């Protein structure tokens, strides 16, 4: 009887630990950057534009770009798409 109680308690503790770890992992997950989609588009054109290549490299290194850079990237992409 004592073995069944101990096994049940161990099972509850094990499941609880897994739930807490999953909850913490989800809570601490890095949010998606606001410029991720823009950089993905820029990476498609990076071979044709040294500016876009530089900005993509900076984004991978720092994880962010300024609003001014984001506007310049959007303009550069629009120019390349128009060609």
N, C-alpha and C. Protein backbone atom coordinates (compact mmCIF):
# COMPACT_ATOMS: atom_id res chain seq x y z
N UNK A 1 0.82 -1.19 0.00
CA UNK A 1 0.00 0.00 0.00
C UNK A 1 0.87 1.26 0.00
N UNK A 2 1.93 1.24 0.82
CA UNK A 2 2.81 2.40 0.88
C UNK A 2 3.53 2.62 -0.44
N UNK A 3 3.84 1.55 -1.14
CA UNK A 3 4.51 1.66 -2.43
C UNK A 3 3.59 2.34 -3.44
N UNK A 4 2.31 2.02 -3.44
CA UNK A 4 1.36 2.64 -4.36
C UNK A 4 1.21 4.13 -4.07
N UNK A 5 1.20 4.50 -2.80
CA UNK A 5 1.10 5.91 -2.43
C UNK A 5 2.35 6.65 -2.88
N UNK A 6 3.51 6.07 -2.66
CA UNK A 6 4.77 6.68 -3.07
C UNK A 6 4.83 6.81 -4.59
N UNK A 7 4.42 5.78 -5.32
CA UNK A 7 4.44 5.82 -6.79
C UNK A 7 3.47 6.89 -7.30
N UNK A 8 2.31 6.99 -6.70
CA UNK A 8 1.34 8.02 -7.10
C UNK A 8 1.87 9.41 -6.85
N UNK A 9 2.49 9.62 -5.69
CA UNK A 9 3.07 10.93 -5.37
C UNK A 9 4.20 11.27 -6.33
N UNK A 10 5.03 10.30 -6.66
CA UNK A 10 6.14 10.52 -7.60
C UNK A 10 5.60 10.89 -8.99
N UNK A 11 4.52 10.24 -9.39
CA UNK A 11 3.92 10.54 -10.69
C UNK A 11 3.37 11.96 -10.72
N UNK A 12 2.71 12.36 -9.65
CA UNK A 12 2.15 13.72 -9.58
C UNK A 12 3.27 14.76 -9.59
N UNK A 13 4.34 14.51 -8.86
CA UNK A 13 5.46 15.44 -8.83
C UNK A 13 6.12 15.52 -10.21
N UNK A 14 6.29 14.39 -10.87
CA UNK A 14 6.90 14.38 -12.19
C UNK A 14 6.09 15.15 -13.23
N UNK A 15 4.79 14.95 -13.23
CA UNK A 15 3.93 15.67 -14.16
C UNK A 15 3.92 17.16 -13.84
N UNK A 16 3.90 17.49 -12.56
CA UNK A 16 3.93 18.90 -12.15
C UNK A 16 5.20 19.59 -12.62
N UNK A 17 6.32 18.92 -12.48
CA UNK A 17 7.59 19.49 -12.93
C UNK A 17 7.57 19.74 -14.43
N UNK A 18 7.05 18.80 -15.20
CA UNK A 18 6.97 18.98 -16.66
C UNK A 18 6.05 20.14 -17.02
N UNK A 19 4.93 20.28 -16.32
CA UNK A 19 4.02 21.38 -16.60
C UNK A 19 4.65 22.72 -16.28
N UNK A 20 5.35 22.80 -15.18
CA UNK A 20 6.01 24.06 -14.81
C UNK A 20 7.10 24.40 -15.81
N UNK A 21 7.88 23.43 -16.23
CA UNK A 21 8.93 23.69 -17.23
C UNK A 21 8.33 24.17 -18.55
N UNK A 22 7.24 23.55 -19.00
CA UNK A 22 6.59 23.97 -20.23
C UNK A 22 6.03 25.38 -20.09
N UNK A 23 5.45 25.69 -18.95
CA UNK A 23 4.89 27.02 -18.72
C UNK A 23 6.01 28.06 -18.73
N UNK A 24 7.13 27.78 -18.07
CA UNK A 24 8.25 28.73 -18.05
C UNK A 24 8.87 28.91 -19.43
N UNK A 25 8.97 27.85 -20.18
CA UNK A 25 9.53 27.95 -21.54
C UNK A 25 8.65 28.82 -22.42
N UNK A 26 7.35 28.64 -22.31
CA UNK A 26 6.43 29.46 -23.11
C UNK A 26 6.47 30.91 -22.66
N UNK A 27 6.59 31.12 -21.36
CA UNK A 27 6.61 32.47 -20.81
C UNK A 27 7.89 33.21 -21.19
N UNK A 28 9.01 32.51 -21.23
CA UNK A 28 10.30 33.13 -21.50
C UNK A 28 10.68 33.12 -22.98
N UNK A 29 9.81 32.63 -23.82
CA UNK A 29 10.11 32.59 -25.26
C UNK A 29 10.24 34.01 -25.79
N UNK A 30 11.20 34.19 -26.66
CA UNK A 30 11.43 35.52 -27.24
C UNK A 30 10.27 35.90 -28.14
N UNK A 31 9.80 37.12 -28.02
CA UNK A 31 8.71 37.54 -28.90
C UNK A 31 9.20 37.72 -30.33
N UNK A 32 8.30 37.59 -31.26
CA UNK A 32 8.63 37.79 -32.66
C UNK A 32 8.91 39.27 -32.88
N UNK A 33 10.01 39.58 -33.54
CA UNK A 33 10.36 40.96 -33.80
C UNK A 33 9.38 41.61 -34.76
N UNK A 34 9.21 42.91 -34.60
CA UNK A 34 8.24 43.61 -35.44
C UNK A 34 8.72 43.74 -36.88
N UNK A 35 10.01 43.57 -37.10
CA UNK A 35 10.55 43.72 -38.45
C UNK A 35 10.95 42.39 -39.08
N UNK A 36 10.56 41.27 -38.48
CA UNK A 36 10.95 39.96 -39.01
C UNK A 36 10.47 39.76 -40.45
N UNK A 37 9.23 40.09 -40.73
CA UNK A 37 8.69 39.89 -42.08
C UNK A 37 9.41 40.78 -43.10
N UNK A 38 9.70 42.00 -42.70
CA UNK A 38 10.41 42.92 -43.58
C UNK A 38 11.81 42.40 -43.90
N UNK A 39 12.49 41.87 -42.90
CA UNK A 39 13.84 41.35 -43.11
C UNK A 39 13.80 40.09 -43.99
N UNK A 40 12.76 39.29 -43.85
CA UNK A 40 12.64 38.11 -44.72
C UNK A 40 12.50 38.52 -46.17
N UNK A 41 11.75 39.58 -46.42
CA UNK A 41 11.65 40.10 -47.79
C UNK A 41 13.00 40.65 -48.24
N UNK A 42 13.68 41.35 -47.35
CA UNK A 42 14.97 41.94 -47.69
C UNK A 42 16.00 40.86 -48.01
N UNK A 43 15.94 39.74 -47.31
CA UNK A 43 16.89 38.66 -47.57
C UNK A 43 16.73 38.10 -48.98
N UNK A 44 15.51 38.16 -49.51
CA UNK A 44 15.28 37.68 -50.87
C UNK A 44 16.00 38.56 -51.89
N UNK A 45 16.17 39.84 -51.57
CA UNK A 45 16.82 40.78 -52.48
C UNK A 45 18.24 41.13 -52.06
N UNK A 46 18.76 40.49 -51.03
CA UNK A 46 20.07 40.86 -50.48
C UNK A 46 21.20 40.70 -51.49
N UNK A 47 21.09 39.74 -52.38
CA UNK A 47 22.15 39.54 -53.37
C UNK A 47 22.20 40.68 -54.39
N UNK A 48 21.10 41.36 -54.58
CA UNK A 48 21.04 42.45 -55.56
C UNK A 48 21.33 43.82 -54.96
N UNK A 49 21.39 43.91 -53.62
CA UNK A 49 21.58 45.21 -52.98
C UNK A 49 22.54 45.08 -51.79
N UNK A 50 23.68 45.76 -51.86
CA UNK A 50 24.62 45.73 -50.73
C UNK A 50 24.01 46.33 -49.46
N UNK A 51 23.15 47.33 -49.62
CA UNK A 51 22.49 47.94 -48.47
C UNK A 51 21.63 46.91 -47.74
N UNK A 52 20.83 46.17 -48.48
CA UNK A 52 19.96 45.17 -47.87
C UNK A 52 20.77 44.05 -47.23
N UNK A 53 21.88 43.69 -47.86
CA UNK A 53 22.75 42.66 -47.29
C UNK A 53 23.30 43.12 -45.93
N UNK A 54 23.71 44.38 -45.86
CA UNK A 54 24.24 44.93 -44.62
C UNK A 54 23.18 44.98 -43.53
N UNK A 55 21.98 45.43 -43.89
CA UNK A 55 20.90 45.53 -42.90
C UNK A 55 20.50 44.14 -42.40
N UNK A 56 20.44 43.17 -43.28
CA UNK A 56 20.10 41.80 -42.88
C UNK A 56 21.15 41.25 -41.90
N UNK A 57 22.41 41.51 -42.19
CA UNK A 57 23.48 41.06 -41.31
C UNK A 57 23.36 41.73 -39.93
N UNK A 58 23.07 43.04 -39.93
CA UNK A 58 22.91 43.75 -38.66
C UNK A 58 21.71 43.21 -37.88
N UNK A 59 20.64 42.90 -38.57
CA UNK A 59 19.44 42.38 -37.90
C UNK A 59 19.72 41.02 -37.27
N UNK A 60 20.44 40.17 -37.99
CA UNK A 60 20.78 38.85 -37.42
C UNK A 60 21.69 39.01 -36.20
N UNK A 61 22.57 40.00 -36.24
CA UNK A 61 23.51 40.21 -35.13
C UNK A 61 22.81 40.82 -33.92
N UNK A 62 22.02 41.86 -34.13
CA UNK A 62 21.42 42.62 -33.02
C UNK A 62 20.00 42.19 -32.68
N UNK A 63 19.29 41.64 -33.63
CA UNK A 63 17.90 41.25 -33.39
C UNK A 63 16.90 42.37 -33.58
N UNK A 64 17.38 43.53 -34.00
CA UNK A 64 16.46 44.64 -34.26
C UNK A 64 17.11 45.65 -35.20
N UNK A 65 16.26 46.48 -35.80
CA UNK A 65 16.71 47.62 -36.59
C UNK A 65 15.85 48.81 -36.18
N UNK A 66 16.32 50.00 -36.47
CA UNK A 66 15.58 51.19 -36.11
C UNK A 66 14.42 51.41 -37.09
N UNK A 67 13.49 52.25 -36.70
CA UNK A 67 12.36 52.57 -37.57
C UNK A 67 12.86 53.24 -38.85
N UNK A 68 13.87 54.05 -38.72
CA UNK A 68 14.44 54.73 -39.89
C UNK A 68 15.02 53.72 -40.87
N UNK A 69 15.75 52.73 -40.34
CA UNK A 69 16.30 51.68 -41.20
C UNK A 69 15.17 50.86 -41.83
N UNK A 70 14.12 50.59 -41.06
CA UNK A 70 13.00 49.81 -41.59
C UNK A 70 12.33 50.55 -42.74
N UNK A 71 12.19 51.86 -42.61
CA UNK A 71 11.62 52.65 -43.72
C UNK A 71 12.52 52.60 -44.95
N UNK A 72 13.84 52.71 -44.73
CA UNK A 72 14.79 52.65 -45.85
C UNK A 72 14.77 51.27 -46.52
N UNK A 73 14.63 50.22 -45.73
CA UNK A 73 14.56 48.86 -46.28
C UNK A 73 13.29 48.70 -47.10
N UNK A 74 12.16 49.19 -46.59
CA UNK A 74 10.90 49.09 -47.33
C UNK A 74 11.00 49.84 -48.66
N UNK A 75 11.64 51.00 -48.65
CA UNK A 75 11.82 51.77 -49.88
C UNK A 75 12.72 51.02 -50.87
N UNK A 76 13.80 50.45 -50.36
CA UNK A 76 14.72 49.70 -51.22
C UNK A 76 14.03 48.48 -51.83
N UNK A 77 13.23 47.79 -51.05
CA UNK A 77 12.51 46.64 -51.57
C UNK A 77 11.52 47.06 -52.64
N UNK A 78 10.82 48.16 -52.40
CA UNK A 78 9.86 48.66 -53.39
C UNK A 78 10.57 49.01 -54.70
N UNK A 79 11.74 49.61 -54.62
CA UNK A 79 12.51 49.97 -55.83
C UNK A 79 12.93 48.71 -56.60
N UNK A 80 13.41 47.70 -55.85
CA UNK A 80 13.85 46.47 -56.51
C UNK A 80 12.67 45.71 -57.11
N UNK A 81 11.52 45.75 -56.45
CA UNK A 81 10.35 45.06 -56.99
C UNK A 81 9.82 45.76 -58.24
N UNK A 82 10.03 47.08 -58.33
CA UNK A 82 9.55 47.84 -59.47
C UNK A 82 10.37 47.55 -60.73
N UNK A 83 11.61 47.10 -60.55
CA UNK A 83 12.48 46.84 -61.70
C UNK A 83 12.05 45.62 -62.45
